[in-house]
Amino acid sequence: MKPSIRIQTEDFDLGAEYQLLRQLDAAVGAIVTFTGLVRDLEKDSSINSLTLQHYPGMTESLLQEIVDQAAARWDLIGLTVIHRVGKLLPSDQIVFVGVASQHRADAFEAAQFVMDYLKTKATFWKKVEQDGQQHWVESKDSDQAASQRWANDD
């Protein structure tokens, strides 16, 4: 399997990332992609910006661990994880997960697994600027429940 993990401030091109996955191998029969965007609303009020921070080195290591777990669970040909950091505005792209495999079930499940684990295990912190104030975004119980589902699959 050919993984690609990137943490970056600059935006990414969905079409280019899809093409890279498609061109990995003639055996690719399915590609599933997910793109997360900055929502305009937080607690029923518009936001001005979202700033993402991480621990360089540690975050990449955790992302590699997530990718390795996905590769061990499903028959994958390629897996791309791109996560942006820095100051982002409403509707900006935050995260891209792309999975290439021979079969759609592997691609769908691996993509969902990676996203569920990104939300709970990767070391990213989000700070929202809203109505002239800033606050840190708390983790959600729904994200924890989603990642727990995979622990029960073992």
N, C-alpha and C. Protein backbone atom coordinates (compact mmCIF):
# COMPACT_ATOMS: atom_id res chain seq x y z
N MET A 1 0.84 -1.18 0.00
CA MET A 1 0.00 0.00 0.00
C MET A 1 0.88 1.24 0.00
N LYS A 2 0.43 2.25 -0.74
CA LYS A 2 1.20 3.49 -0.85
C LYS A 2 0.48 4.61 -0.10
N PRO A 3 0.94 4.92 1.13
CA PRO A 3 0.29 6.00 1.88
C PRO A 3 0.94 7.36 1.61
N SER A 4 0.16 8.40 1.78
CA SER A 4 0.66 9.77 1.72
C SER A 4 0.01 10.53 2.87
N ILE A 5 0.84 11.10 3.74
CA ILE A 5 0.35 11.85 4.89
C ILE A 5 0.97 13.23 4.84
N ARG A 6 0.12 14.26 4.86
CA ARG A 6 0.64 15.63 4.81
C ARG A 6 -0.13 16.52 5.78
N ILE A 7 0.62 17.33 6.48
CA ILE A 7 0.04 18.40 7.30
C ILE A 7 0.56 19.68 6.69
N GLN A 8 -0.34 20.58 6.34
CA GLN A 8 0.07 21.76 5.59
C GLN A 8 -0.85 22.94 5.85
N THR A 9 -0.34 24.13 5.58
CA THR A 9 -1.15 25.34 5.70
C THR A 9 -1.90 25.63 4.40
N GLU A 10 -1.30 25.27 3.27
CA GLU A 10 -1.92 25.58 1.98
C GLU A 10 -3.08 24.64 1.66
N ASP A 11 -3.95 25.12 0.79
CA ASP A 11 -5.11 24.34 0.35
C ASP A 11 -4.63 23.16 -0.50
N PHE A 12 -5.55 22.24 -0.78
CA PHE A 12 -5.24 21.09 -1.62
C PHE A 12 -6.25 21.03 -2.75
N ASP A 13 -5.86 20.33 -3.81
CA ASP A 13 -6.67 20.21 -5.02
C ASP A 13 -7.31 18.82 -5.04
N LEU A 14 -8.63 18.78 -4.87
CA LEU A 14 -9.35 17.50 -4.82
C LEU A 14 -9.12 16.67 -6.08
N GLY A 15 -9.22 17.30 -7.23
CA GLY A 15 -9.05 16.59 -8.49
C GLY A 15 -7.66 15.99 -8.63
N ALA A 16 -6.64 16.73 -8.25
CA ALA A 16 -5.27 16.23 -8.35
C ALA A 16 -5.05 15.06 -7.39
N GLU A 17 -5.60 15.16 -6.18
CA GLU A 17 -5.44 14.07 -5.21
C GLU A 17 -6.16 12.81 -5.70
N TYR A 18 -7.34 12.97 -6.28
CA TYR A 18 -8.07 11.83 -6.84
C TYR A 18 -7.25 11.17 -7.95
N GLN A 19 -6.70 11.98 -8.84
CA GLN A 19 -5.92 11.43 -9.96
C GLN A 19 -4.69 10.66 -9.47
N LEU A 20 -4.04 11.17 -8.42
CA LEU A 20 -2.87 10.46 -7.88
C LEU A 20 -3.27 9.08 -7.37
N LEU A 21 -4.41 8.99 -6.69
CA LEU A 21 -4.90 7.69 -6.21
C LEU A 21 -5.28 6.78 -7.38
N ARG A 22 -5.91 7.35 -8.38
CA ARG A 22 -6.36 6.57 -9.53
C ARG A 22 -5.19 5.97 -10.31
N GLN A 23 -4.09 6.69 -10.34
CA GLN A 23 -2.94 6.27 -11.14
C GLN A 23 -1.96 5.36 -10.38
N LEU A 24 -2.27 5.00 -9.15
CA LEU A 24 -1.35 4.18 -8.36
C LEU A 24 -1.11 2.80 -8.96
N ASP A 25 -2.19 2.18 -9.48
CA ASP A 25 -2.10 0.79 -9.89
C ASP A 25 -3.29 0.46 -10.78
N ALA A 26 -3.10 -0.40 -11.73
CA ALA A 26 -4.20 -0.82 -12.61
C ALA A 26 -5.25 -1.62 -11.85
N ALA A 27 -4.92 -2.12 -10.67
CA ALA A 27 -5.86 -2.90 -9.88
C ALA A 27 -6.87 -2.04 -9.12
N VAL A 28 -6.68 -0.71 -9.12
CA VAL A 28 -7.63 0.16 -8.42
C VAL A 28 -9.01 0.01 -9.05
N GLY A 29 -9.99 -0.40 -8.22
CA GLY A 29 -11.36 -0.56 -8.69
C GLY A 29 -12.32 0.36 -7.97
N ALA A 30 -11.84 1.02 -6.91
CA ALA A 30 -12.70 1.91 -6.13
C ALA A 30 -11.84 2.99 -5.47
N ILE A 31 -12.34 4.20 -5.49
CA ILE A 31 -11.72 5.31 -4.78
C ILE A 31 -12.81 6.02 -4.00
N VAL A 32 -12.60 6.16 -2.71
CA VAL A 32 -13.53 6.89 -1.85
C VAL A 32 -12.77 8.09 -1.30
N THR A 33 -13.40 9.27 -1.39
CA THR A 33 -12.78 10.47 -0.84
C THR A 33 -13.73 11.16 0.12
N PHE A 34 -13.14 11.82 1.10
CA PHE A 34 -13.90 12.65 2.04
C PHE A 34 -13.16 13.97 2.17
N THR A 35 -13.91 15.06 2.14
CA THR A 35 -13.34 16.38 2.35
C THR A 35 -14.13 17.07 3.45
N GLY A 36 -13.43 17.50 4.50
CA GLY A 36 -14.05 18.25 5.58
C GLY A 36 -13.86 19.75 5.35
N LEU A 37 -14.90 20.52 5.63
CA LEU A 37 -14.89 21.97 5.43
C LEU A 37 -15.12 22.70 6.75
N VAL A 38 -14.67 23.95 6.81
CA VAL A 38 -14.96 24.79 7.97
C VAL A 38 -16.43 25.19 7.90
N ARG A 39 -17.18 24.82 8.94
CA ARG A 39 -18.59 25.21 9.01
C ARG A 39 -18.69 26.68 9.38
N ASP A 40 -19.72 27.33 8.87
CA ASP A 40 -19.94 28.75 9.15
C ASP A 40 -20.53 28.96 10.55
N LEU A 41 -21.10 27.90 11.12
CA LEU A 41 -21.78 28.06 12.41
C LEU A 41 -21.11 27.27 13.51
N GLU A 42 -21.07 27.86 14.68
CA GLU A 42 -20.61 27.21 15.90
C GLU A 42 -21.51 27.72 17.00
N LYS A 43 -22.23 26.83 17.64
CA LYS A 43 -23.16 27.21 18.71
C LYS A 43 -24.17 28.24 18.22
N ASP A 44 -24.77 27.99 17.06
CA ASP A 44 -25.84 28.80 16.47
C ASP A 44 -25.44 30.23 16.13
N SER A 45 -24.18 30.49 15.90
CA SER A 45 -23.72 31.82 15.54
C SER A 45 -22.61 31.69 14.50
N SER A 46 -22.55 32.62 13.55
CA SER A 46 -21.52 32.58 12.52
C SER A 46 -20.13 32.76 13.13
N ILE A 47 -19.17 32.10 12.53
CA ILE A 47 -17.79 32.25 12.99
C ILE A 47 -17.02 33.14 12.02
N ASN A 48 -15.94 33.74 12.52
CA ASN A 48 -15.05 34.54 11.67
C ASN A 48 -13.92 33.68 11.12
N SER A 49 -13.39 32.79 11.97
CA SER A 49 -12.29 31.93 11.53
C SER A 49 -12.13 30.75 12.48
N LEU A 50 -11.36 29.79 12.02
CA LEU A 50 -11.02 28.60 12.79
C LEU A 50 -9.50 28.43 12.66
N THR A 51 -8.82 28.36 13.78
CA THR A 51 -7.37 28.16 13.76
C THR A 51 -7.07 26.76 14.29
N LEU A 52 -6.31 26.00 13.51
CA LEU A 52 -5.92 24.64 13.90
C LEU A 52 -4.45 24.62 14.26
N GLN A 53 -4.16 23.99 15.41
CA GLN A 53 -2.78 23.83 15.86
C GLN A 53 -2.50 22.34 16.03
N HIS A 54 -1.22 21.98 16.01
CA HIS A 54 -0.82 20.59 16.21
C HIS A 54 0.59 20.55 16.78
N TYR A 55 1.01 19.36 17.20
CA TYR A 55 2.39 19.12 17.64
C TYR A 55 3.13 18.47 16.48
N PRO A 56 3.99 19.23 15.79
CA PRO A 56 4.75 18.63 14.68
C PRO A 56 5.54 17.41 15.16
N GLY A 57 5.60 16.42 14.32
CA GLY A 57 6.29 15.18 14.66
C GLY A 57 5.35 14.21 15.35
N MET A 58 4.77 14.61 16.44
CA MET A 58 3.84 13.76 17.17
C MET A 58 2.57 13.52 16.34
N THR A 59 2.06 14.58 15.73
CA THR A 59 0.84 14.45 14.93
C THR A 59 1.08 13.53 13.74
N GLU A 60 2.19 13.71 13.04
CA GLU A 60 2.49 12.86 11.89
C GLU A 60 2.62 11.39 12.32
N SER A 61 3.22 11.17 13.46
CA SER A 61 3.37 9.81 13.98
C SER A 61 2.01 9.17 14.26
N LEU A 62 1.11 9.93 14.85
CA LEU A 62 -0.24 9.41 15.12
C LEU A 62 -1.00 9.15 13.83
N LEU A 63 -0.84 10.04 12.84
CA LEU A 63 -1.50 9.81 11.56
C LEU A 63 -0.95 8.56 10.88
N GLN A 64 0.35 8.34 10.98
CA GLN A 64 0.94 7.13 10.40
C GLN A 64 0.38 5.88 11.09
N GLU A 65 0.19 5.96 12.39
CA GLU A 65 -0.39 4.85 13.14
C GLU A 65 -1.81 4.54 12.66
N ILE A 66 -2.59 5.57 12.42
CA ILE A 66 -3.97 5.42 11.93
C ILE A 66 -3.95 4.76 10.55
N VAL A 67 -3.07 5.24 9.68
CA VAL A 67 -2.96 4.70 8.33
C VAL A 67 -2.51 3.23 8.38
N ASP A 68 -1.55 2.93 9.24
CA ASP A 68 -1.08 1.55 9.38
C ASP A 68 -2.20 0.63 9.86
N GLN A 69 -3.02 1.10 10.79
CA GLN A 69 -4.14 0.29 11.27
C GLN A 69 -5.14 0.03 10.15
N ALA A 70 -5.41 1.05 9.33
CA ALA A 70 -6.34 0.87 8.20
C ALA A 70 -5.78 -0.15 7.21
N ALA A 71 -4.49 -0.06 6.93
CA ALA A 71 -3.86 -0.99 5.98
C ALA A 71 -3.89 -2.42 6.50
N ALA A 72 -3.83 -2.58 7.83
CA ALA A 72 -3.88 -3.93 8.42
C ALA A 72 -5.30 -4.51 8.39
N ARG A 73 -6.30 -3.66 8.41
CA ARG A 73 -7.70 -4.12 8.47
C ARG A 73 -8.31 -4.39 7.09
N TRP A 74 -7.91 -3.58 6.10
CA TRP A 74 -8.54 -3.66 4.78
C TRP A 74 -7.49 -3.81 3.69
N ASP A 75 -7.92 -4.35 2.55
CA ASP A 75 -7.05 -4.54 1.40
C ASP A 75 -7.01 -3.23 0.61
N LEU A 76 -5.97 -2.43 0.86
CA LEU A 76 -5.89 -1.10 0.27
C LEU A 76 -4.71 -1.01 -0.69
N ILE A 77 -4.88 -0.16 -1.69
CA ILE A 77 -3.80 0.10 -2.64
C ILE A 77 -3.12 1.43 -2.32
N GLY A 78 -3.90 2.39 -1.90
CA GLY A 78 -3.36 3.70 -1.55
C GLY A 78 -4.24 4.39 -0.55
N LEU A 79 -3.64 5.27 0.25
CA LEU A 79 -4.40 6.03 1.24
C LEU A 79 -3.71 7.38 1.41
N THR A 80 -4.48 8.45 1.25
CA THR A 80 -3.97 9.81 1.40
C THR A 80 -4.71 10.51 2.53
N VAL A 81 -3.94 11.12 3.43
CA VAL A 81 -4.50 11.96 4.48
C VAL A 81 -3.81 13.32 4.39
N ILE A 82 -4.60 14.35 4.20
CA ILE A 82 -4.09 15.72 4.22
C ILE A 82 -4.87 16.47 5.27
N HIS A 83 -4.18 17.11 6.20
CA HIS A 83 -4.85 17.92 7.22
C HIS A 83 -4.21 19.28 7.24
N ARG A 84 -5.03 20.30 7.16
CA ARG A 84 -4.52 21.67 7.17
C ARG A 84 -4.43 22.20 8.59
N VAL A 85 -3.49 23.11 8.80
CA VAL A 85 -3.34 23.81 10.07
C VAL A 85 -3.23 25.30 9.76
N GLY A 86 -3.34 26.10 10.81
CA GLY A 86 -3.28 27.55 10.65
C GLY A 86 -4.69 28.13 10.65
N LYS A 87 -4.79 29.37 10.24
CA LYS A 87 -6.08 30.08 10.25
C LYS A 87 -6.85 29.80 8.98
N LEU A 88 -8.09 29.31 9.16
CA LEU A 88 -8.98 28.99 8.04
C LEU A 88 -10.28 29.77 8.18
N LEU A 89 -10.93 30.00 7.06
CA LEU A 89 -12.18 30.75 7.03
C LEU A 89 -13.35 29.83 6.72
N PRO A 90 -14.58 30.28 7.01
CA PRO A 90 -15.74 29.44 6.68
C PRO A 90 -15.70 28.98 5.22
N SER A 91 -16.02 27.73 5.02
CA SER A 91 -16.05 26.99 3.75
C SER A 91 -14.67 26.58 3.22
N ASP A 92 -13.58 26.94 3.92
CA ASP A 92 -12.26 26.43 3.53
C ASP A 92 -12.20 24.93 3.77
N GLN A 93 -11.39 24.25 2.97
CA GLN A 93 -11.15 22.82 3.16
C GLN A 93 -10.19 22.63 4.33
N ILE A 94 -10.53 21.66 5.22
CA ILE A 94 -9.67 21.36 6.36
C ILE A 94 -8.93 20.04 6.15
N VAL A 95 -9.67 19.02 5.75
CA VAL A 95 -9.10 17.67 5.73
C VAL A 95 -9.54 16.92 4.46
N PHE A 96 -8.63 16.08 3.98
CA PHE A 96 -8.92 15.20 2.85
C PHE A 96 -8.48 13.79 3.23
N VAL A 97 -9.35 12.84 3.03
CA VAL A 97 -9.01 11.42 3.15
C VAL A 97 -9.41 10.77 1.84
N GLY A 98 -8.46 10.11 1.22
CA GLY A 98 -8.73 9.39 -0.02
C GLY A 98 -8.20 7.97 0.08
N VAL A 99 -9.03 7.01 -0.30
CA VAL A 99 -8.66 5.60 -0.19
C VAL A 99 -8.88 4.92 -1.54
N ALA A 100 -7.85 4.22 -2.01
CA ALA A 100 -7.94 3.44 -3.24
C ALA A 100 -7.81 1.96 -2.88
N SER A 101 -8.70 1.15 -3.46
CA SER A 101 -8.65 -0.29 -3.23
C SER A 101 -9.23 -1.00 -4.45
N GLN A 102 -9.20 -2.31 -4.42
CA GLN A 102 -9.81 -3.07 -5.51
C GLN A 102 -11.33 -3.05 -5.40
N HIS A 103 -11.84 -2.99 -4.17
CA HIS A 103 -13.27 -3.13 -3.94
C HIS A 103 -13.81 -1.98 -3.09
N ARG A 104 -15.06 -1.59 -3.36
CA ARG A 104 -15.64 -0.43 -2.70
C ARG A 104 -15.82 -0.59 -1.20
N ALA A 105 -16.15 -1.78 -0.73
CA ALA A 105 -16.38 -1.96 0.71
C ALA A 105 -15.12 -1.61 1.50
N ASP A 106 -13.96 -2.08 1.03
CA ASP A 106 -12.70 -1.76 1.71
C ASP A 106 -12.45 -0.25 1.70
N ALA A 107 -12.69 0.38 0.57
CA ALA A 107 -12.44 1.82 0.46
C ALA A 107 -13.37 2.63 1.36
N PHE A 108 -14.67 2.30 1.36
CA PHE A 108 -15.63 3.02 2.20
C PHE A 108 -15.30 2.85 3.69
N GLU A 109 -15.08 1.62 4.10
CA GLU A 109 -14.84 1.37 5.53
C GLU A 109 -13.52 1.99 5.99
N ALA A 110 -12.48 1.87 5.19
CA ALA A 110 -11.19 2.45 5.58
C ALA A 110 -11.28 3.97 5.68
N ALA A 111 -11.98 4.61 4.75
CA ALA A 111 -12.12 6.07 4.80
C ALA A 111 -12.87 6.51 6.06
N GLN A 112 -13.93 5.81 6.39
CA GLN A 112 -14.69 6.15 7.60
C GLN A 112 -13.86 5.91 8.86
N PHE A 113 -13.15 4.81 8.89
CA PHE A 113 -12.27 4.49 10.02
C PHE A 113 -11.23 5.60 10.23
N VAL A 114 -10.56 6.00 9.15
CA VAL A 114 -9.54 7.03 9.26
C VAL A 114 -10.14 8.34 9.77
N MET A 115 -11.28 8.73 9.25
CA MET A 115 -11.90 9.98 9.71
C MET A 115 -12.33 9.89 11.17
N ASP A 116 -12.92 8.77 11.56
CA ASP A 116 -13.34 8.62 12.96
C ASP A 116 -12.14 8.71 13.90
N TYR A 117 -11.04 8.12 13.51
CA TYR A 117 -9.85 8.17 14.35
C TYR A 117 -9.16 9.54 14.29
N LEU A 118 -9.22 10.20 13.15
CA LEU A 118 -8.67 11.57 13.05
C LEU A 118 -9.36 12.50 14.05
N LYS A 119 -10.66 12.34 14.18
CA LYS A 119 -11.45 13.22 15.06
C LYS A 119 -11.15 12.97 16.54
N THR A 120 -10.62 11.81 16.89
CA THR A 120 -10.47 11.48 18.30
C THR A 120 -9.03 11.23 18.75
N LYS A 121 -8.17 10.77 17.85
CA LYS A 121 -6.82 10.36 18.25
C LYS A 121 -5.71 11.30 17.79
N ALA A 122 -5.93 12.01 16.69
CA ALA A 122 -4.88 12.89 16.18
C ALA A 122 -4.80 14.17 17.02
N THR A 123 -3.60 14.66 17.20
CA THR A 123 -3.38 15.82 18.07
C THR A 123 -3.54 17.13 17.30
N PHE A 124 -4.80 17.50 17.10
CA PHE A 124 -5.15 18.79 16.51
C PHE A 124 -6.04 19.53 17.50
N TRP A 125 -5.79 20.83 17.63
CA TRP A 125 -6.63 21.66 18.49
C TRP A 125 -7.22 22.76 17.65
N LYS A 126 -8.52 23.04 17.88
CA LYS A 126 -9.26 24.02 17.10
C LYS A 126 -9.69 25.18 17.99
N LYS A 127 -9.39 26.39 17.52
CA LYS A 127 -9.80 27.59 18.22
C LYS A 127 -10.68 28.41 17.27
N VAL A 128 -11.87 28.76 17.73
CA VAL A 128 -12.83 29.51 16.93
C VAL A 128 -12.80 30.97 17.33
N GLU A 129 -12.79 31.84 16.32
CA GLU A 129 -12.98 33.27 16.54
C GLU A 129 -14.41 33.60 16.12
N GLN A 130 -15.16 34.18 17.08
CA GLN A 130 -16.59 34.37 16.87
C GLN A 130 -17.06 35.55 17.71
N ASP A 131 -17.75 36.47 17.09
CA ASP A 131 -18.31 37.63 17.81
C ASP A 131 -17.24 38.35 18.63
N GLY A 132 -16.04 38.52 18.06
CA GLY A 132 -14.97 39.23 18.74
C GLY A 132 -14.30 38.46 19.87
N GLN A 133 -14.64 37.20 20.04
CA GLN A 133 -14.07 36.37 21.11
C GLN A 133 -13.47 35.11 20.50
N GLN A 134 -12.59 34.48 21.26
CA GLN A 134 -12.01 33.21 20.84
C GLN A 134 -12.28 32.14 21.90
N HIS A 135 -12.52 30.91 21.43
CA HIS A 135 -12.66 29.79 22.36
C HIS A 135 -12.19 28.50 21.69
N TRP A 136 -11.72 27.56 22.52
CA TRP A 136 -11.29 26.27 22.02
C TRP A 136 -12.50 25.38 21.81
N VAL A 137 -12.46 24.57 20.75
CA VAL A 137 -13.55 23.65 20.44
C VAL A 137 -13.34 22.38 21.26
N GLU A 138 -14.37 21.99 21.98
CA GLU A 138 -14.33 20.77 22.80
C GLU A 138 -14.59 19.55 21.93
N SER A 139 -14.05 18.41 22.34
CA SER A 139 -14.34 17.17 21.62
C SER A 139 -15.80 16.80 21.84
N LYS A 140 -16.36 16.09 20.87
CA LYS A 140 -17.77 15.73 20.91
C LYS A 140 -17.94 14.27 21.30
N ASP A 141 -18.98 14.01 22.09
CA ASP A 141 -19.30 12.63 22.47
C ASP A 141 -19.59 11.77 21.25
N SER A 142 -20.21 12.38 20.22
CA SER A 142 -20.55 11.62 19.01
C SER A 142 -19.29 11.14 18.28
N ASP A 143 -18.21 11.94 18.32
CA ASP A 143 -16.96 11.51 17.70
C ASP A 143 -16.35 10.35 18.47
N GLN A 144 -16.40 10.42 19.78
CA GLN A 144 -15.88 9.33 20.61
C GLN A 144 -16.67 8.04 20.35
N ALA A 145 -17.98 8.16 20.26
CA ALA A 145 -18.82 6.98 20.01
C ALA A 145 -18.51 6.38 18.64
N ALA A 146 -18.27 7.23 17.64
CA ALA A 146 -17.96 6.73 16.30
C ALA A 146 -16.65 5.96 16.29
N SER A 147 -15.62 6.47 16.97
CA SER A 147 -14.35 5.75 16.98
C SER A 147 -14.42 4.48 17.82
N GLN A 148 -15.28 4.47 18.84
CA GLN A 148 -15.44 3.28 19.68
C GLN A 148 -15.99 2.10 18.87
N ARG A 149 -16.76 2.39 17.87
CA ARG A 149 -17.32 1.33 17.01
C ARG A 149 -16.22 0.46 16.44
N TRP A 150 -15.09 1.07 16.06
CA TRP A 150 -14.00 0.32 15.45
C TRP A 150 -13.27 -0.53 16.49
N ALA A 151 -13.22 -0.07 17.71
CA ALA A 151 -12.58 -0.86 18.77
C ALA A 151 -13.36 -2.14 19.01
N ASN A 152 -14.67 -2.09 18.81
CA ASN A 152 -15.52 -3.26 19.01
C ASN A 152 -15.44 -4.24 17.84
N ASP A 153 -14.85 -3.80 16.71
CA ASP A 153 -14.72 -4.67 15.53
C ASP A 153 -13.57 -5.66 15.65
N ASP A 154 -12.69 -5.46 16.61
CA ASP A 154 -11.50 -6.34 16.73
C ASP A 154 -11.87 -7.75 17.11
